[in-house]
């Protein structure tokens, strides 16, 4: 399955995490945190995302399916506020720790299913960053995301098939694709990461 699980973990020597540096920020990564395995590739991918985001000065940014909060924290230094939602509690704990490590006080990370938690948000986003799992975005969550009527959406996808399905729905509701860029994170495979900017 696509879940890393351990019945028991024993540390034989050293500590149970590493600290990775990306784009001037530090990220504490445990054995069970989701983090891109190709760090140099991840830096390139996140640079593309940062370029697509542009100037987030004084903006409220939702980072949905945020994992350990990497993308949200890369955007946070210029943003007014970043709110991340992630299903995996351990990843959310890591995101909170990473925000402290990077001295970012404008980040809030929520543990829970995007389709449930997004309904509870009181803030209105100027921009939404989406980085969903391979299955794409749950239809109900996508409706709620569209209803925020954010000026800008940056969608990061590891599965072109589900990306296309979601883009069709977004375009039906008035969003327009401005820019698309692919990043080969997985050389010698058929897989590719795609970053899409919509307004």
N, C-alpha and C. Protein backbone atom coordinates (compact mmCIF):
# COMPACT_ATOMS: atom_id res chain seq x y z
N UNK A 1 0.85 -1.20 0.00
CA UNK A 1 0.00 0.00 0.00
C UNK A 1 0.88 1.24 0.00
N UNK A 2 0.25 2.43 -0.01
CA UNK A 2 1.06 3.65 -0.01
C UNK A 2 1.18 4.25 1.39
N UNK A 3 1.21 3.38 2.40
CA UNK A 3 1.39 3.82 3.78
C UNK A 3 2.62 3.14 4.35
N UNK A 4 3.49 3.94 4.98
CA UNK A 4 4.66 3.39 5.66
C UNK A 4 4.29 3.22 7.11
N UNK A 5 4.40 1.99 7.61
CA UNK A 5 3.93 1.70 8.96
C UNK A 5 4.97 0.83 9.66
N UNK A 6 5.12 1.03 10.96
CA UNK A 6 6.07 0.24 11.73
C UNK A 6 5.39 -0.24 13.00
N UNK A 7 5.47 -1.54 13.28
CA UNK A 7 4.92 -2.05 14.54
C UNK A 7 5.82 -1.67 15.70
N UNK A 8 7.13 -1.62 15.40
CA UNK A 8 8.08 -1.27 16.44
C UNK A 8 9.32 -0.67 15.79
N UNK A 9 9.85 0.38 16.37
CA UNK A 9 11.05 1.02 15.83
C UNK A 9 12.09 1.10 16.94
N UNK A 10 13.28 0.58 16.67
CA UNK A 10 14.37 0.63 17.64
C UNK A 10 15.49 1.48 17.08
N UNK A 11 15.94 2.46 17.85
CA UNK A 11 17.08 3.26 17.44
C UNK A 11 18.34 2.58 17.97
N UNK A 12 19.18 2.12 17.06
CA UNK A 12 20.41 1.44 17.47
C UNK A 12 21.52 2.45 17.77
N UNK A 13 21.50 3.58 17.05
CA UNK A 13 22.55 4.56 17.26
C UNK A 13 22.08 5.91 16.73
N UNK A 14 22.46 6.98 17.39
CA UNK A 14 22.13 8.31 16.88
C UNK A 14 20.70 8.72 17.16
N UNK A 15 20.11 9.48 16.26
CA UNK A 15 18.77 10.02 16.47
C UNK A 15 17.82 9.45 15.42
N UNK A 16 16.52 9.63 15.64
CA UNK A 16 15.51 9.02 14.75
C UNK A 16 15.02 9.98 13.67
N UNK A 17 15.84 10.96 13.30
CA UNK A 17 15.46 11.89 12.24
C UNK A 17 16.71 12.46 11.59
N UNK A 18 16.50 13.07 10.41
CA UNK A 18 17.56 13.84 9.76
C UNK A 18 17.02 15.25 9.55
N UNK A 19 17.91 16.20 9.33
CA UNK A 19 17.48 17.56 9.00
C UNK A 19 17.95 17.86 7.59
N UNK A 20 17.00 18.14 6.72
CA UNK A 20 17.29 18.44 5.32
C UNK A 20 17.15 19.95 5.11
N UNK A 21 18.02 20.53 4.31
CA UNK A 21 17.92 21.96 4.00
C UNK A 21 17.46 22.13 2.56
N UNK A 22 16.39 22.93 2.40
CA UNK A 22 15.86 23.22 1.07
C UNK A 22 15.53 24.70 0.99
N UNK A 23 16.01 25.36 -0.04
CA UNK A 23 15.69 26.77 -0.31
C UNK A 23 15.83 27.65 0.94
N UNK A 24 16.90 27.41 1.69
CA UNK A 24 17.19 28.25 2.86
C UNK A 24 16.42 27.89 4.12
N UNK A 25 15.59 26.86 4.06
CA UNK A 25 14.83 26.42 5.23
C UNK A 25 15.30 25.04 5.68
N UNK A 26 15.03 24.72 6.95
CA UNK A 26 15.40 23.40 7.47
C UNK A 26 14.14 22.58 7.72
N UNK A 27 14.24 21.28 7.45
CA UNK A 27 13.10 20.39 7.65
C UNK A 27 13.56 19.13 8.38
N UNK A 28 12.95 18.90 9.52
CA UNK A 28 13.24 17.71 10.32
C UNK A 28 12.39 16.57 9.74
N UNK A 29 13.05 15.48 9.38
CA UNK A 29 12.35 14.38 8.71
C UNK A 29 12.56 13.09 9.50
N UNK A 30 11.46 12.48 9.92
CA UNK A 30 11.55 11.19 10.61
C UNK A 30 11.41 10.09 9.56
N UNK A 31 11.59 8.87 9.99
CA UNK A 31 11.49 7.73 9.07
C UNK A 31 10.09 7.61 8.48
N UNK A 32 9.09 8.18 9.16
CA UNK A 32 7.71 7.98 8.71
C UNK A 32 7.06 9.26 8.18
N UNK A 33 7.84 10.32 8.05
CA UNK A 33 7.31 11.56 7.44
C UNK A 33 7.34 11.38 5.93
N UNK A 34 6.33 11.93 5.23
CA UNK A 34 6.44 11.95 3.77
C UNK A 34 7.35 13.12 3.42
N UNK A 35 8.38 12.83 2.65
CA UNK A 35 9.27 13.88 2.15
C UNK A 35 9.81 13.38 0.83
N UNK A 36 10.01 14.28 -0.11
CA UNK A 36 10.54 13.87 -1.41
C UNK A 36 11.88 13.16 -1.22
N UNK A 37 12.06 12.03 -1.87
CA UNK A 37 13.29 11.26 -1.70
C UNK A 37 14.47 11.85 -2.48
N UNK A 38 14.18 12.60 -3.52
CA UNK A 38 15.22 13.21 -4.34
C UNK A 38 15.32 14.68 -3.93
N UNK A 39 16.23 14.98 -3.00
CA UNK A 39 16.28 16.32 -2.41
C UNK A 39 16.62 17.42 -3.41
N UNK A 40 17.56 17.15 -4.30
CA UNK A 40 17.89 18.17 -5.30
C UNK A 40 16.73 18.38 -6.27
N UNK A 41 16.06 17.29 -6.60
CA UNK A 41 14.86 17.39 -7.44
C UNK A 41 13.75 18.14 -6.71
N UNK A 42 13.61 17.87 -5.41
CA UNK A 42 12.58 18.55 -4.62
C UNK A 42 12.85 20.06 -4.58
N UNK A 43 14.11 20.44 -4.46
CA UNK A 43 14.45 21.86 -4.44
C UNK A 43 14.05 22.52 -5.76
N UNK A 44 14.26 21.82 -6.86
CA UNK A 44 13.88 22.34 -8.18
C UNK A 44 12.35 22.43 -8.29
N UNK A 45 11.66 21.37 -7.85
CA UNK A 45 10.19 21.35 -7.89
C UNK A 45 9.62 22.51 -7.06
N UNK A 46 10.12 22.68 -5.84
CA UNK A 46 9.60 23.73 -4.98
C UNK A 46 9.96 25.12 -5.49
N UNK A 47 11.06 25.23 -6.22
CA UNK A 47 11.41 26.51 -6.86
C UNK A 47 10.37 26.87 -7.92
N UNK A 48 9.93 25.86 -8.67
CA UNK A 48 8.88 26.08 -9.68
C UNK A 48 7.60 26.55 -8.98
N UNK A 49 7.23 25.85 -7.89
CA UNK A 49 6.03 26.22 -7.14
C UNK A 49 6.15 27.66 -6.63
N UNK A 50 7.30 27.99 -6.07
CA UNK A 50 7.53 29.34 -5.54
C UNK A 50 7.40 30.39 -6.66
N UNK A 51 7.92 30.08 -7.84
CA UNK A 51 7.78 30.99 -8.99
C UNK A 51 6.33 31.16 -9.39
N UNK A 52 5.56 30.06 -9.41
CA UNK A 52 4.15 30.12 -9.78
C UNK A 52 3.34 30.90 -8.74
N UNK A 53 3.71 30.74 -7.46
CA UNK A 53 3.03 31.47 -6.38
C UNK A 53 3.27 32.97 -6.54
N UNK A 54 4.50 33.34 -6.91
CA UNK A 54 4.83 34.75 -7.08
C UNK A 54 4.90 35.47 -5.75
N UNK A 55 4.49 36.70 -5.73
CA UNK A 55 4.55 37.51 -4.52
C UNK A 55 3.31 37.26 -3.67
N UNK A 56 3.51 36.59 -2.54
CA UNK A 56 2.39 36.30 -1.64
C UNK A 56 2.29 37.34 -0.53
N UNK A 57 2.85 38.51 -0.77
CA UNK A 57 2.91 39.59 0.23
C UNK A 57 1.53 39.86 0.83
N UNK A 58 1.44 39.73 2.14
CA UNK A 58 0.21 40.04 2.89
C UNK A 58 -0.99 39.19 2.46
N UNK A 59 -0.73 38.02 1.91
CA UNK A 59 -1.84 37.16 1.47
C UNK A 59 -2.06 36.00 2.45
N UNK A 60 -3.31 35.55 2.49
CA UNK A 60 -3.65 34.34 3.24
C UNK A 60 -3.55 33.17 2.26
N UNK A 61 -2.73 32.19 2.61
CA UNK A 61 -2.46 31.06 1.73
C UNK A 61 -2.92 29.77 2.41
N UNK A 62 -3.74 28.98 1.71
CA UNK A 62 -4.09 27.64 2.18
C UNK A 62 -3.15 26.65 1.50
N UNK A 63 -2.52 25.80 2.29
CA UNK A 63 -1.64 24.74 1.78
C UNK A 63 -2.33 23.42 2.09
N UNK A 64 -3.09 22.91 1.13
CA UNK A 64 -3.92 21.73 1.36
C UNK A 64 -3.20 20.46 0.92
N UNK A 65 -3.31 19.42 1.74
CA UNK A 65 -2.53 18.18 1.59
C UNK A 65 -1.05 18.55 1.80
N UNK A 66 -0.78 19.22 2.92
CA UNK A 66 0.51 19.90 3.10
C UNK A 66 1.66 18.99 3.53
N UNK A 67 1.39 17.74 3.90
CA UNK A 67 2.49 16.88 4.35
C UNK A 67 3.21 17.52 5.52
N UNK A 68 4.55 17.59 5.45
CA UNK A 68 5.33 18.18 6.54
C UNK A 68 5.43 19.70 6.41
N UNK A 69 4.59 20.29 5.59
CA UNK A 69 4.49 21.74 5.50
C UNK A 69 5.56 22.42 4.66
N UNK A 70 6.22 21.65 3.83
CA UNK A 70 7.35 22.18 3.06
C UNK A 70 6.95 23.35 2.18
N UNK A 71 5.96 23.15 1.32
CA UNK A 71 5.59 24.20 0.36
C UNK A 71 5.06 25.44 1.09
N UNK A 72 4.18 25.23 2.07
CA UNK A 72 3.63 26.35 2.82
C UNK A 72 4.72 27.19 3.49
N UNK A 73 5.73 26.52 4.01
CA UNK A 73 6.80 27.24 4.71
C UNK A 73 7.72 27.97 3.74
N UNK A 74 7.83 27.47 2.52
CA UNK A 74 8.62 28.16 1.50
C UNK A 74 7.93 29.47 1.11
N UNK A 75 6.59 29.47 1.15
CA UNK A 75 5.79 30.65 0.80
C UNK A 75 5.65 31.61 1.99
N UNK A 76 5.72 31.07 3.21
CA UNK A 76 5.39 31.81 4.44
C UNK A 76 6.16 33.10 4.70
N UNK A 77 7.46 33.19 4.37
CA UNK A 77 8.19 34.43 4.71
C UNK A 77 7.55 35.71 4.16
N UNK A 78 6.85 35.63 3.03
CA UNK A 78 6.19 36.81 2.48
C UNK A 78 4.70 36.88 2.79
N UNK A 79 4.12 35.76 3.16
CA UNK A 79 2.66 35.70 3.33
C UNK A 79 2.22 36.32 4.66
N UNK A 80 0.95 36.71 4.70
CA UNK A 80 0.35 37.18 5.96
C UNK A 80 0.13 35.98 6.87
N UNK A 81 -0.41 34.89 6.28
CA UNK A 81 -0.76 33.71 7.07
C UNK A 81 -0.78 32.50 6.15
N UNK A 82 -0.30 31.36 6.66
CA UNK A 82 -0.37 30.10 5.92
C UNK A 82 -1.12 29.10 6.79
N UNK A 83 -2.14 28.48 6.22
CA UNK A 83 -2.89 27.43 6.93
C UNK A 83 -2.73 26.13 6.15
N UNK A 84 -2.14 25.15 6.79
CA UNK A 84 -1.92 23.84 6.15
C UNK A 84 -2.84 22.79 6.74
N UNK A 85 -3.34 21.90 5.89
CA UNK A 85 -4.16 20.77 6.35
C UNK A 85 -3.56 19.49 5.80
N UNK A 86 -3.44 18.49 6.68
CA UNK A 86 -2.84 17.21 6.31
C UNK A 86 -3.49 16.10 7.14
N UNK A 87 -3.76 14.97 6.51
CA UNK A 87 -4.41 13.84 7.18
C UNK A 87 -3.49 13.15 8.20
N UNK A 88 -2.22 12.98 7.86
CA UNK A 88 -1.29 12.22 8.70
C UNK A 88 -0.82 13.08 9.88
N UNK A 89 -1.20 12.66 11.10
CA UNK A 89 -0.89 13.45 12.29
C UNK A 89 0.60 13.64 12.51
N UNK A 90 1.38 12.59 12.25
CA UNK A 90 2.84 12.68 12.44
C UNK A 90 3.44 13.74 11.52
N UNK A 91 2.90 13.86 10.31
CA UNK A 91 3.38 14.86 9.36
C UNK A 91 3.04 16.27 9.86
N UNK A 92 1.86 16.42 10.46
CA UNK A 92 1.44 17.72 10.98
C UNK A 92 2.33 18.12 12.16
N UNK A 93 2.64 17.15 13.02
CA UNK A 93 3.57 17.44 14.13
C UNK A 93 4.91 17.91 13.58
N UNK A 94 5.38 17.22 12.55
CA UNK A 94 6.65 17.60 11.92
C UNK A 94 6.55 19.00 11.31
N UNK A 95 5.42 19.31 10.67
CA UNK A 95 5.22 20.63 10.07
C UNK A 95 5.30 21.72 11.14
N UNK A 96 4.67 21.47 12.28
CA UNK A 96 4.70 22.44 13.38
C UNK A 96 6.13 22.63 13.90
N UNK A 97 6.83 21.51 14.08
CA UNK A 97 8.23 21.57 14.53
C UNK A 97 9.10 22.32 13.52
N UNK A 98 8.87 22.03 12.23
CA UNK A 98 9.66 22.68 11.19
C UNK A 98 9.41 24.19 11.15
N UNK A 99 8.17 24.60 11.38
CA UNK A 99 7.86 26.03 11.40
C UNK A 99 8.63 26.72 12.54
N UNK A 100 8.71 26.04 13.69
CA UNK A 100 9.49 26.59 14.83
C UNK A 100 10.96 26.65 14.47
N UNK A 101 11.44 25.58 13.86
CA UNK A 101 12.85 25.49 13.46
C UNK A 101 13.22 26.63 12.52
N UNK A 102 12.25 27.02 11.67
CA UNK A 102 12.48 28.08 10.68
C UNK A 102 12.02 29.46 11.15
N UNK A 103 11.62 29.55 12.43
CA UNK A 103 11.19 30.82 13.03
C UNK A 103 10.03 31.47 12.26
N UNK A 104 9.08 30.62 11.83
CA UNK A 104 7.90 31.10 11.10
C UNK A 104 6.71 31.10 12.06
N UNK A 105 6.22 32.26 12.38
CA UNK A 105 5.13 32.36 13.36
C UNK A 105 3.76 32.58 12.70
N UNK A 106 3.74 32.60 11.38
CA UNK A 106 2.48 32.86 10.68
C UNK A 106 1.90 31.59 10.04
N UNK A 107 2.35 30.42 10.52
CA UNK A 107 1.88 29.13 9.97
C UNK A 107 1.04 28.38 10.99
N UNK A 108 -0.10 27.89 10.53
CA UNK A 108 -0.96 27.03 11.36
C UNK A 108 -1.14 25.72 10.60
N UNK A 109 -0.92 24.60 11.27
CA UNK A 109 -1.07 23.29 10.63
C UNK A 109 -2.14 22.49 11.36
N UNK A 110 -3.08 21.97 10.58
CA UNK A 110 -4.24 21.26 11.13
C UNK A 110 -4.19 19.80 10.69
N UNK A 111 -4.38 18.90 11.65
CA UNK A 111 -4.43 17.46 11.35
C UNK A 111 -5.87 17.07 11.06
N UNK A 112 -6.10 16.48 9.90
CA UNK A 112 -7.45 16.03 9.55
C UNK A 112 -7.62 15.87 8.05
N UNK A 113 -8.76 15.34 7.67
CA UNK A 113 -9.08 15.12 6.26
C UNK A 113 -9.46 16.47 5.64
N UNK A 114 -8.85 16.80 4.52
CA UNK A 114 -9.12 18.08 3.86
C UNK A 114 -10.62 18.26 3.64
N UNK A 115 -11.31 17.21 3.22
CA UNK A 115 -12.74 17.36 2.91
C UNK A 115 -13.58 17.71 4.14
N UNK A 116 -13.09 17.38 5.35
CA UNK A 116 -13.79 17.75 6.58
C UNK A 116 -13.29 19.09 7.11
N UNK A 117 -11.99 19.26 7.17
CA UNK A 117 -11.38 20.42 7.83
C UNK A 117 -11.56 21.72 7.05
N UNK A 118 -11.59 21.63 5.71
CA UNK A 118 -11.66 22.85 4.89
C UNK A 118 -12.99 23.59 5.15
N UNK A 119 -14.03 22.85 5.53
CA UNK A 119 -15.34 23.45 5.83
C UNK A 119 -15.29 24.32 7.09
N UNK A 120 -14.36 24.00 7.99
CA UNK A 120 -14.29 24.69 9.29
C UNK A 120 -13.46 25.98 9.24
N UNK A 121 -12.77 26.20 8.15
CA UNK A 121 -11.88 27.37 8.08
C UNK A 121 -12.67 28.66 7.99
N UNK A 122 -12.30 29.63 8.82
CA UNK A 122 -12.99 30.93 8.85
C UNK A 122 -12.28 31.95 7.95
N UNK A 123 -10.97 31.74 7.74
CA UNK A 123 -10.21 32.68 6.91
C UNK A 123 -10.61 32.53 5.45
N UNK A 124 -10.45 33.63 4.70
CA UNK A 124 -10.66 33.56 3.25
C UNK A 124 -9.30 33.59 2.57
N UNK A 125 -9.00 32.56 1.73
CA UNK A 125 -7.68 32.52 1.10
C UNK A 125 -7.58 33.43 -0.13
N UNK A 126 -6.43 34.08 -0.25
CA UNK A 126 -6.12 34.78 -1.50
C UNK A 126 -5.58 33.79 -2.52
N UNK A 127 -4.95 32.72 -1.98
CA UNK A 127 -4.32 31.73 -2.83
C UNK A 127 -4.43 30.35 -2.17
N UNK A 128 -4.63 29.32 -3.00
CA UNK A 128 -4.69 27.95 -2.49
C UNK A 128 -3.63 27.13 -3.22
N UNK A 129 -2.83 26.42 -2.42
CA UNK A 129 -1.85 25.49 -2.97
C UNK A 129 -2.37 24.08 -2.70
N UNK A 130 -2.43 23.28 -3.74
CA UNK A 130 -2.93 21.90 -3.64
C UNK A 130 -1.81 20.94 -4.01
N UNK A 131 -1.57 19.94 -3.18
CA UNK A 131 -0.59 18.90 -3.48
C UNK A 131 -1.16 17.56 -3.03
N UNK A 132 -2.24 17.13 -3.70
CA UNK A 132 -2.97 15.95 -3.22
C UNK A 132 -2.23 14.63 -3.50
N UNK A 133 -2.68 13.54 -2.86
CA UNK A 133 -2.12 12.23 -3.17
C UNK A 133 -2.48 11.79 -4.60
N UNK A 134 -1.97 10.65 -5.02
CA UNK A 134 -2.18 10.17 -6.40
C UNK A 134 -3.65 10.09 -6.79
N UNK A 135 -4.51 9.83 -5.80
CA UNK A 135 -5.95 9.69 -6.09
C UNK A 135 -6.62 11.02 -6.43
N UNK A 136 -5.92 12.13 -6.25
CA UNK A 136 -6.50 13.44 -6.55
C UNK A 136 -7.32 13.97 -5.39
N UNK A 137 -8.17 14.93 -5.68
CA UNK A 137 -8.95 15.62 -4.64
C UNK A 137 -10.34 15.01 -4.56
N UNK A 138 -10.81 14.73 -3.35
CA UNK A 138 -12.16 14.22 -3.15
C UNK A 138 -13.15 15.22 -3.74
N UNK A 139 -14.16 14.76 -4.49
CA UNK A 139 -15.11 15.68 -5.15
C UNK A 139 -15.74 16.71 -4.21
N UNK A 140 -16.11 16.30 -2.99
CA UNK A 140 -16.72 17.26 -2.04
C UNK A 140 -15.69 18.31 -1.62
N UNK A 141 -14.46 17.87 -1.38
CA UNK A 141 -13.40 18.82 -1.00
C UNK A 141 -13.16 19.81 -2.13
N UNK A 142 -13.18 19.31 -3.37
CA UNK A 142 -12.95 20.19 -4.52
C UNK A 142 -14.05 21.26 -4.62
N UNK A 143 -15.29 20.87 -4.36
CA UNK A 143 -16.40 21.84 -4.37
C UNK A 143 -16.15 22.94 -3.33
N UNK A 144 -15.76 22.52 -2.12
CA UNK A 144 -15.51 23.49 -1.05
C UNK A 144 -14.33 24.40 -1.39
N UNK A 145 -13.31 23.83 -2.01
CA UNK A 145 -12.13 24.60 -2.42
C UNK A 145 -12.54 25.65 -3.47
N UNK A 146 -13.33 25.23 -4.44
CA UNK A 146 -13.80 26.15 -5.48
C UNK A 146 -14.64 27.27 -4.87
N UNK A 147 -15.46 26.93 -3.86
CA UNK A 147 -16.34 27.93 -3.23
C UNK A 147 -15.60 29.04 -2.50
N UNK A 148 -14.33 28.82 -2.16
CA UNK A 148 -13.55 29.89 -1.55
C UNK A 148 -13.29 31.02 -2.55
N UNK A 149 -13.36 30.68 -3.84
CA UNK A 149 -13.20 31.68 -4.89
C UNK A 149 -11.86 32.43 -4.77
N UNK A 150 -10.81 31.68 -4.47
CA UNK A 150 -9.47 32.28 -4.34
C UNK A 150 -9.01 32.80 -5.69
N UNK A 151 -8.26 33.89 -5.68
CA UNK A 151 -7.78 34.49 -6.93
C UNK A 151 -6.86 33.55 -7.70
N UNK A 152 -6.11 32.75 -6.95
CA UNK A 152 -5.06 31.95 -7.56
C UNK A 152 -5.02 30.55 -6.94
N UNK A 153 -4.83 29.54 -7.78
CA UNK A 153 -4.62 28.16 -7.30
C UNK A 153 -3.35 27.64 -7.95
N UNK A 154 -2.48 27.08 -7.12
CA UNK A 154 -1.30 26.38 -7.64
C UNK A 154 -1.47 24.91 -7.28
N UNK A 155 -1.56 24.08 -8.30
CA UNK A 155 -1.83 22.64 -8.12
C UNK A 155 -0.56 21.87 -8.48
N UNK A 156 -0.07 21.09 -7.51
CA UNK A 156 1.10 20.23 -7.71
C UNK A 156 0.60 18.80 -7.75
N UNK A 157 0.89 18.10 -8.86
CA UNK A 157 0.33 16.75 -9.02
C UNK A 157 1.39 15.73 -9.40
N UNK A 158 1.29 14.55 -8.78
CA UNK A 158 2.17 13.45 -9.15
C UNK A 158 1.44 12.45 -10.07
N UNK A 159 0.20 12.79 -10.43
CA UNK A 159 -0.60 11.89 -11.26
C UNK A 159 -1.38 12.69 -12.31
N UNK A 160 -0.87 12.76 -13.55
CA UNK A 160 -1.54 13.57 -14.59
C UNK A 160 -3.01 13.20 -14.81
N UNK A 161 -3.36 11.93 -14.61
CA UNK A 161 -4.73 11.48 -14.86
C UNK A 161 -5.72 12.16 -13.90
N UNK A 162 -5.41 12.12 -12.60
CA UNK A 162 -6.32 12.76 -11.64
C UNK A 162 -6.23 14.29 -11.73
N UNK A 163 -5.07 14.80 -12.10
CA UNK A 163 -4.92 16.24 -12.30
C UNK A 163 -5.90 16.72 -13.37
N UNK A 164 -5.95 16.03 -14.50
CA UNK A 164 -6.85 16.42 -15.60
C UNK A 164 -8.30 16.41 -15.13
N UNK A 165 -8.69 15.37 -14.39
CA UNK A 165 -10.07 15.29 -13.88
C UNK A 165 -10.41 16.51 -13.03
N UNK A 166 -9.47 16.88 -12.13
CA UNK A 166 -9.71 18.02 -11.25
C UNK A 166 -9.70 19.34 -12.03
N UNK A 167 -8.82 19.45 -13.03
CA UNK A 167 -8.76 20.69 -13.83
C UNK A 167 -10.06 20.92 -14.59
N UNK A 168 -10.65 19.83 -15.09
CA UNK A 168 -11.93 19.96 -15.80
C UNK A 168 -12.97 20.61 -14.88
N UNK A 169 -13.04 20.13 -13.62
CA UNK A 169 -14.01 20.69 -12.67
C UNK A 169 -13.70 22.15 -12.35
N UNK A 170 -12.41 22.46 -12.16
CA UNK A 170 -12.01 23.83 -11.86
C UNK A 170 -12.33 24.78 -13.02
N UNK A 171 -12.10 24.31 -14.24
CA UNK A 171 -12.39 25.15 -15.41
C UNK A 171 -13.89 25.37 -15.58
N UNK A 172 -14.70 24.35 -15.26
CA UNK A 172 -16.16 24.50 -15.33
C UNK A 172 -16.63 25.64 -14.43
N UNK A 173 -15.92 25.85 -13.32
CA UNK A 173 -16.31 26.87 -12.34
C UNK A 173 -15.61 28.20 -12.58
N UNK A 174 -14.96 28.34 -13.73
CA UNK A 174 -14.43 29.66 -14.09
C UNK A 174 -12.93 29.83 -13.94
N UNK A 175 -12.23 28.84 -13.40
CA UNK A 175 -10.77 28.97 -13.32
C UNK A 175 -10.14 28.74 -14.69
N UNK A 176 -9.06 29.46 -14.93
CA UNK A 176 -8.38 29.37 -16.21
C UNK A 176 -6.93 28.95 -15.97
N UNK A 177 -6.46 27.99 -16.75
CA UNK A 177 -5.06 27.55 -16.63
C UNK A 177 -4.17 28.62 -17.25
N UNK A 178 -3.24 29.15 -16.44
CA UNK A 178 -2.33 30.21 -16.90
C UNK A 178 -0.99 29.63 -17.36
N UNK A 179 -0.53 28.62 -16.63
CA UNK A 179 0.81 28.12 -16.86
C UNK A 179 0.91 26.69 -16.36
N UNK A 180 1.69 25.85 -17.08
CA UNK A 180 1.92 24.46 -16.66
C UNK A 180 3.40 24.16 -16.85
N UNK A 181 3.99 23.49 -15.87
CA UNK A 181 5.38 23.05 -16.02
C UNK A 181 5.54 21.67 -15.39
N UNK A 182 6.23 20.79 -16.12
CA UNK A 182 6.50 19.44 -15.61
C UNK A 182 7.90 19.38 -15.04
N UNK A 183 8.07 18.51 -14.06
CA UNK A 183 9.36 18.30 -13.42
C UNK A 183 9.58 16.80 -13.28
N UNK A 184 10.65 16.30 -13.88
CA UNK A 184 10.92 14.86 -13.85
C UNK A 184 11.61 14.51 -12.54
N UNK A 185 10.79 14.19 -11.53
CA UNK A 185 11.33 13.82 -10.22
C UNK A 185 11.78 12.36 -10.19
N UNK A 186 11.32 11.60 -11.16
CA UNK A 186 11.52 10.14 -11.12
C UNK A 186 12.14 9.66 -12.43
N UNK A 187 13.43 9.97 -12.66
CA UNK A 187 14.06 9.63 -13.94
C UNK A 187 13.94 8.14 -14.27
N UNK A 188 13.83 7.87 -15.56
CA UNK A 188 13.73 6.50 -16.09
C UNK A 188 12.44 5.79 -15.69
N UNK A 189 11.41 6.58 -15.33
CA UNK A 189 10.08 6.02 -15.09
C UNK A 189 9.08 6.83 -15.92
N UNK A 190 7.85 6.37 -15.94
CA UNK A 190 6.79 7.10 -16.68
C UNK A 190 6.19 8.23 -15.83
N UNK A 191 6.66 8.40 -14.59
CA UNK A 191 6.04 9.35 -13.67
C UNK A 191 6.66 10.74 -13.77
N UNK A 192 5.83 11.75 -13.56
CA UNK A 192 6.29 13.13 -13.63
C UNK A 192 5.47 13.97 -12.66
N UNK A 193 6.09 14.99 -12.06
CA UNK A 193 5.35 15.96 -11.26
C UNK A 193 4.94 17.10 -12.18
N UNK A 194 3.73 17.59 -12.00
CA UNK A 194 3.21 18.69 -12.83
C UNK A 194 2.76 19.82 -11.92
N UNK A 195 3.17 21.03 -12.25
CA UNK A 195 2.74 22.20 -11.49
C UNK A 195 1.87 23.06 -12.41
N UNK A 196 0.68 23.41 -11.94
CA UNK A 196 -0.27 24.20 -12.74
C UNK A 196 -0.66 25.45 -11.97
N UNK A 197 -0.62 26.58 -12.65
CA UNK A 197 -1.10 27.84 -12.08
C UNK A 197 -2.44 28.18 -12.71
N UNK A 198 -3.44 28.43 -11.86
CA UNK A 198 -4.77 28.82 -12.33
C UNK A 198 -5.20 30.12 -11.68
N UNK A 199 -6.01 30.86 -12.42
CA UNK A 199 -6.56 32.09 -11.82
C UNK A 199 -8.05 32.18 -12.16
